[in-house]
Amino acid sequence: MCDIGVSIICNVYNHEKYIKDALEGFVMQKTTFPIEVLVHDDASTDNTANIIREYEKKYPDIIKPIYQTENQYSKGNGAVGKIQFARAKGKYIAICEGDDYWTDPYKLQKQFDIMEQHPQYTMCAHAANVVEANTKKPIKTISPMIEDGILSIENVILQGGGYVATNSLFYRTGLNNSNMEFRKK
């Protein structure tokens, strides 16, 4: 078996209305490398876990869920991140929460290729649309830049939250183990 190219981290809680879109966005990915989808259902009280089980059954080599019986996020100790990142076997990590989704079947391949071509980069991101939940009508676009380019750390920090869409993040797995001071804040 080949090494995992990308581990997709998908944290979920009561995302029954959205999780199918997220899972479909994962399984439609066309890549030259294996992927794994690390779904963490944090004790959802709706039908989310059953939907994940359907996909787990259909795609057992890709969908790797954990079903919590007690909500971990509410404990406030960072357990969800520790659990998820410890499971990641990929060279890279892509983030997509259960109420977000991807529309480009080549998203992971494009980001993988960028990172392979530029070993000095630690992370990449792309523009993303925010859509109305029921109609999927575009509300706004989150885009750190108008065209392709390099984002400085200073610019990312100064722009604050919402500057880069979470579901566009793609980075080297080792970044999770980093002791960079800003990751502690």
Foldseek 3Di string as FASTA:
>chain_A
DFFAAEEEEAEDAQLVLFQVQALVQVVLADAPGHYAYEYEYQQHPDCVVVVLVVVCVVCVVHYDYDYDNHGPVVVVPCVSVVVRLVPDRHQKYAYDYSNGHDDDNHLVVVQSVVCVVPVVDFKDFAKDFDADSPPRHTDDIQGLDPDDDDDDPVSVVVVDPSNGDRRGIMGGSCVSVDPPPVVVD
